[in-house]
C-alpha atoms as a PDB file:
ATOM      1  CA  MET A   1    -181.116 -50.704 126.187  1.00  0.00           C
ATOM      2  CA  ARG A   2    -178.337 -49.376 123.812  1.00  0.00           C
ATOM      3  CA  THR A   3    -180.089 -50.219 120.478  1.00  0.00           C
ATOM      4  CA  HIS A   4    -180.027 -46.658 118.995  1.00  0.00           C
ATOM      5  CA  TYR A   5    -177.031 -45.579 116.691  1.00  0.00           C
ATOM      6  CA  ARG A   6    -175.927 -42.276 115.356  1.00  0.00           C
ATOM      7  CA  PHE A   7    -173.137 -42.102 112.753  1.00  0.00           C
ATOM      8  CA  GLY A   8    -171.420 -39.438 110.806  1.00  0.00           C
ATOM      9  CA  HIS A   9    -168.579 -39.685 108.216  1.00  0.00           C
ATOM     10  CA  GLU A  10    -167.234 -37.271 105.715  1.00  0.00           C
ATOM     11  CA  TRP A  11    -164.588 -37.221 103.053  1.00  0.00           C
ATOM     12  CA  VAL A  12    -163.544 -35.232  99.916  1.00  0.00           C
ATOM     13  CA  VAL A  13    -163.418 -36.742  96.404  1.00  0.00           C
ATOM     14  CA  GLN A  14    -161.927 -35.086  93.360  1.00  0.00           C
ATOM     15  CA  ALA A  15    -165.028 -35.019  91.287  1.00  0.00           C
ATOM     16  CA  ARG A  16    -167.692 -32.512  90.461  1.00  0.00           C
ATOM     17  CA  PRO A  17    -170.806 -32.402  92.818  1.00  0.00           C
ATOM     18  CA  ASP A  18    -173.157 -33.411  89.952  1.00  0.00           C
ATOM     19  CA  ALA A  19    -171.122 -36.557  89.384  1.00  0.00           C
ATOM     20  CA  VAL A  20    -171.203 -37.472  93.077  1.00  0.00           C
ATOM     21  CA  LEU A  21    -175.002 -36.747  93.377  1.00  0.00           C
ATOM     22  CA  ALA A  22    -175.638 -38.948  90.224  1.00  0.00           C
ATOM     23  CA  LEU A  23    -173.743 -41.732  91.859  1.00  0.00           C
ATOM     24  CA  LEU A  24    -175.685 -41.455  95.217  1.00  0.00           C
ATOM     25  CA  GLU A  25    -179.108 -41.007  93.649  1.00  0.00           C
ATOM     26  CA  ASP A  26    -178.755 -44.391  91.989  1.00  0.00           C
ATOM     27  CA  VAL A  27    -179.710 -46.354  95.079  1.00  0.00           C
ATOM     28  CA  PRO A  28    -180.123 -49.673  93.182  1.00  0.00           C
ATOM     29  CA  GLY A  29    -176.594 -49.267  91.952  1.00  0.00           C
ATOM     30  CA  TYR A  30    -175.017 -48.988  95.362  1.00  0.00           C
ATOM     31  CA  GLY A  31    -173.821 -52.606  95.288  1.00  0.00           C
ATOM     32  CA  ALA A  32    -171.743 -51.827  92.159  1.00  0.00           C
ATOM     33  CA  TRP A  33    -169.384 -49.506  93.983  1.00  0.00           C
ATOM     34  CA  TRP A  34    -169.875 -50.064  97.758  1.00  0.00           C
ATOM     35  CA  PRO A  35    -168.137 -53.091  99.154  1.00  0.00           C
ATOM     36  CA  GLY A  36    -170.232 -54.884 101.722  1.00  0.00           C
ATOM     37  CA  VAL A  37    -173.557 -53.686 100.181  1.00  0.00           C
ATOM     38  CA  ARG A  38    -175.684 -56.062  98.021  1.00  0.00           C
ATOM     39  CA  VAL A  39    -178.817 -54.928  96.282  1.00  0.00           C
ATOM     40  CA  LEU A  40    -181.512 -57.478  96.721  1.00  0.00           C
ATOM     41  CA  GLY A  41    -184.096 -55.634  94.697  1.00  0.00           C
ATOM     42  CA  ASP A  42    -185.022 -52.384  93.163  1.00  0.00           C
ATOM     43  CA  ARG A  43    -188.185 -51.018  94.770  1.00  0.00           C
ATOM     44  CA  SER A  44    -188.230 -47.741  92.820  1.00  0.00           C
ATOM     45  CA  THR A  45    -191.458 -46.222  91.617  1.00  0.00           C
ATOM     46  CA  PRO A  46    -191.813 -43.457  89.084  1.00  0.00           C
ATOM     47  CA  SER A  47    -191.839 -40.881  91.767  1.00  0.00           C
ATOM     48  CA  ARG A  48    -189.422 -42.286  94.373  1.00  0.00           C
ATOM     49  CA  ARG A  49    -186.090 -44.302  94.365  1.00  0.00           C
ATOM     50  CA  ALA A  50    -185.835 -47.261  96.701  1.00  0.00           C
ATOM     51  CA  ALA A  51    -184.010 -50.555  97.053  1.00  0.00           C
ATOM     52  CA  GLU A  52    -183.885 -53.530  99.337  1.00  0.00           C
ATOM     53  CA  LEU A  53    -180.291 -53.758 100.536  1.00  0.00           C
ATOM     54  CA  GLU A  54    -178.268 -56.267 102.418  1.00  0.00           C
ATOM     55  CA  VAL A  55    -175.199 -54.939 104.246  1.00  0.00           C
ATOM     56  CA  ARG A  56    -172.617 -57.375 105.190  1.00  0.00           C
ATOM     57  CA  ALA A  57    -170.350 -56.135 107.963  1.00  0.00           C
ATOM     58  CA  PRO A  58    -166.621 -56.969 108.070  1.00  0.00           C
ATOM     59  CA  ALA A  59    -167.333 -59.262 111.056  1.00  0.00           C
ATOM     60  CA  GLY A  60    -169.678 -61.309 108.776  1.00  0.00           C
ATOM     61  CA  TYR A  61    -173.185 -60.463 110.095  1.00  0.00           C
ATOM     62  CA  ARG A  62    -175.786 -59.222 107.645  1.00  0.00           C
ATOM     63  CA  ILE A  63    -178.464 -56.568 108.030  1.00  0.00           C
ATOM     64  CA  ARG A  64    -181.316 -56.073 105.679  1.00  0.00           C
ATOM     65  CA  PHE A  65    -183.465 -53.063 105.047  1.00  0.00           C
ATOM     66  CA  THR A  66    -185.168 -50.956 102.492  1.00  0.00           C
ATOM     67  CA  LEU A  67    -183.931 -47.597 101.769  1.00  0.00           C
ATOM     68  CA  THR A  68    -186.436 -45.298 100.438  1.00  0.00           C
ATOM     69  CA  GLU A  69    -185.863 -41.730  99.221  1.00  0.00           C
ATOM     70  CA  SER A  70    -187.724 -39.347 101.489  1.00  0.00           C
ATOM     71  CA  VAL A  71    -186.276 -35.871 100.548  1.00  0.00           C
ATOM     72  CA  THR A  72    -184.024 -34.517  97.797  1.00  0.00           C
ATOM     73  CA  ALA A  73    -182.660 -31.159  97.904  1.00  0.00           C
ATOM     74  CA  GLN A  74    -180.116 -29.599  95.586  1.00  0.00           C
ATOM     75  CA  ASP A  75    -177.233 -30.618  98.021  1.00  0.00           C
ATOM     76  CA  GLU A  76    -178.854 -33.463 100.047  1.00  0.00           C
ATOM     77  CA  LEU A  77    -180.387 -36.807  99.571  1.00  0.00           C
ATOM     78  CA  ARG A  78    -182.202 -38.201 102.579  1.00  0.00           C
ATOM     79  CA  GLY A  79    -183.770 -41.759 102.874  1.00  0.00           C
ATOM     80  CA  LEU A  80    -185.691 -43.802 105.392  1.00  0.00           C
ATOM     81  CA  LEU A  81    -184.521 -47.250 106.510  1.00  0.00           C
ATOM     82  CA  ARG A  82    -186.956 -49.939 107.251  1.00  0.00           C
ATOM     83  CA  GLY A  83    -186.065 -53.469 108.262  1.00  0.00           C
ATOM     84  CA  ASP A  84    -183.401 -54.747 110.475  1.00  0.00           C
ATOM     85  CA  LEU A  85    -182.662 -51.024 111.053  1.00  0.00           C
ATOM     86  CA  GLU A  86    -185.282 -48.309 111.149  1.00  0.00           C
ATOM     87  CA  GLY A  87    -184.384 -44.733 110.948  1.00  0.00           C
ATOM     88  CA  TRP A  88    -182.913 -42.367 108.355  1.00  0.00           C
ATOM     89  CA  CYS A  89    -179.744 -41.551 106.521  1.00  0.00           C
ATOM     90  CA  ALA A  90    -178.527 -38.508 104.538  1.00  0.00           C
ATOM     91  CA  TRP A  91    -175.847 -37.529 102.054  1.00  0.00           C
ATOM     92  CA  ARG A  92    -174.743 -33.970 101.739  1.00  0.00           C
ATOM     93  CA  ILE A  93    -172.850 -33.004  98.773  1.00  0.00           C
ATOM     94  CA  ILE A  94    -170.871 -29.719  99.094  1.00  0.00           C
ATOM     95  CA  ALA A  95    -168.739 -28.195  96.416  1.00  0.00           C
ATOM     96  CA  ALA A  96    -165.088 -27.716  97.694  1.00  0.00           C
ATOM     97  CA  ARG A  97    -162.051 -26.170  96.226  1.00  0.00           C
ATOM     98  CA  ASP A  98    -160.564 -29.519  95.651  1.00  0.00           C
ATOM     99  CA  GLY A  99    -163.583 -31.415  94.448  1.00  0.00           C
ATOM    100  CA  THR A 100    -166.679 -32.320  96.476  1.00  0.00           C
ATOM    101  CA  ARG A 101    -167.020 -32.878 100.225  1.00  0.00           C
ATOM    102  CA  VAL A 102    -169.443 -35.811 100.881  1.00  0.00           C
ATOM    103  CA  VAL A 103    -171.013 -35.868 104.340  1.00  0.00           C
ATOM    104  CA  PHE A 104    -172.932 -38.936 105.505  1.00  0.00           C
ATOM    105  CA  ALA A 105    -175.186 -38.919 108.524  1.00  0.00           C
ATOM    106  CA  GLN A 106    -177.402 -41.771 109.892  1.00  0.00           C
ATOM    107  CA  GLU A 107    -179.557 -42.340 112.901  1.00  0.00           C
ATOM    108  CA  ALA A 108    -181.180 -45.741 113.500  1.00  0.00           C
ATOM    109  CA  GLU A 109    -182.619 -48.102 115.867  1.00  0.00           C
ATOM    110  CA  ALA A 110    -181.761 -51.849 115.760  1.00  0.00           C
ATOM    111  CA  ARG A 111    -184.981 -53.806 115.108  1.00  0.00           C
ATOM    112  CA  ALA A 112    -183.759 -57.297 114.128  1.00  0.00           C
ATOM    113  CA  ARG A 113    -184.066 -59.494 117.266  1.00  0.00           C
ATOM    114  CA  LEU A 114    -180.391 -60.723 117.225  1.00  0.00           C
ATOM    115  CA  LEU A 115    -179.105 -57.147 116.665  1.00  0.00           C
ATOM    116  CA  ARG A 116    -181.227 -55.812 119.475  1.00  0.00           C
ATOM    117  CA  LEU A 117    -179.993 -58.560 121.794  1.00  0.00           C
ATOM    118  CA  ALA A 118    -176.121 -57.980 120.783  1.00  0.00           C
ATOM    119  CA  SER A 119    -176.378 -54.097 120.898  1.00  0.00           C
ATOM    120  CA  PRO A 120    -176.143 -53.506 124.593  1.00  0.00           C
ATOM    121  CA  LEU A 121    -173.080 -55.773 124.827  1.00  0.00           C
ATOM    122  CA  LEU A 122    -171.423 -54.929 121.533  1.00  0.00           C
ATOM    123  CA  HIS A 123    -172.466 -51.341 120.891  1.00  0.00           C
ATOM    124  CA  HIS A 124    -168.943 -50.092 120.434  1.00  0.00           C
ATOM    125  CA  GLN A 125    -167.881 -52.927 118.249  1.00  0.00           C
ATOM    126  CA  LEU A 126    -171.023 -52.574 116.047  1.00  0.00           C
ATOM    127  CA  ALA A 127    -170.389 -48.905 115.720  1.00  0.00           C
ATOM    128  CA  ALA A 128    -166.746 -49.674 114.660  1.00  0.00           C
ATOM    129  CA  GLN A 129    -167.932 -52.071 111.983  1.00  0.00           C
ATOM    130  CA  HIS A 130    -170.149 -49.328 110.664  1.00  0.00           C
ATOM    131  CA  GLU A 131    -167.083 -47.044 110.446  1.00  0.00           C
ATOM    132  CA  ARG A 132    -165.294 -49.716 108.425  1.00  0.00           C
ATOM    133  CA  LEU A 133    -168.322 -49.989 106.115  1.00  0.00           C
ATOM    134  CA  LEU A 134    -168.225 -46.123 105.506  1.00  0.00           C
ATOM    135  CA  ARG A 135    -164.477 -46.271 104.823  1.00  0.00           C
ATOM    136  CA  ALA A 136    -165.198 -48.978 102.168  1.00  0.00           C
ATOM    137  CA  ALA A 137    -167.840 -46.641 100.806  1.00  0.00           C
ATOM    138  CA  GLU A 138    -165.392 -43.912 100.565  1.00  0.00           C
ATOM    139  CA  ARG A 139    -162.827 -46.140  98.731  1.00  0.00           C
ATOM    140  CA  GLY A 140    -165.469 -47.474  96.383  1.00  0.00           C
ATOM    141  CA  MET A 141    -166.880 -43.963  95.664  1.00  0.00           C
ATOM    142  CA  ARG A 142    -163.361 -42.823  94.734  1.00  0.00           C
ATOM    143  CA  ARG A 143    -162.872 -45.862  92.311  1.00  0.00           C
ATOM    144  CA  ALA A 144    -166.289 -45.338  90.738  1.00  0.00           C
ATOM    145  CA  LEU A 145    -165.837 -41.629  90.251  1.00  0.00           C
ATOM    146  CA  ASP A 146    -162.352 -42.044  88.816  1.00  0.00           C
ATOM    147  CA  GLU A 147    -163.701 -44.528  86.207  1.00  0.00           C
ATOM    148  CA  ALA A 148    -166.539 -42.296  85.258  1.00  0.00           C
END
């Protein structure tokens, strides 16, 4: 069954890497700048950032999961996804001549029953919806960093 997804997206923002990193480290704040993402609850502990998120795809369906920080390096944030999707995602922040290059990668398995049933038939459409969500993240990030 085609229930496994692998995504990648990248863009350049005209902001310093530390500003981009600060925005991305604030997982409970994603809903403030990322259209389509709603924070249902902050699940952070003193040692690890986490949030329960609901993602509303442009087509209208909703996916819920908890995103928990798993590894943080100087230029990378990596998190685990648990819920309707299970897997991982990562943000790499790379200094560039004209600002900061932001590289997003994700690998996940559909776990929600309806999503698992729809995936084999709608795999390409669901992947296209994810692409739209990442373009919205890019636009939202640009706005948030311009306001900072």
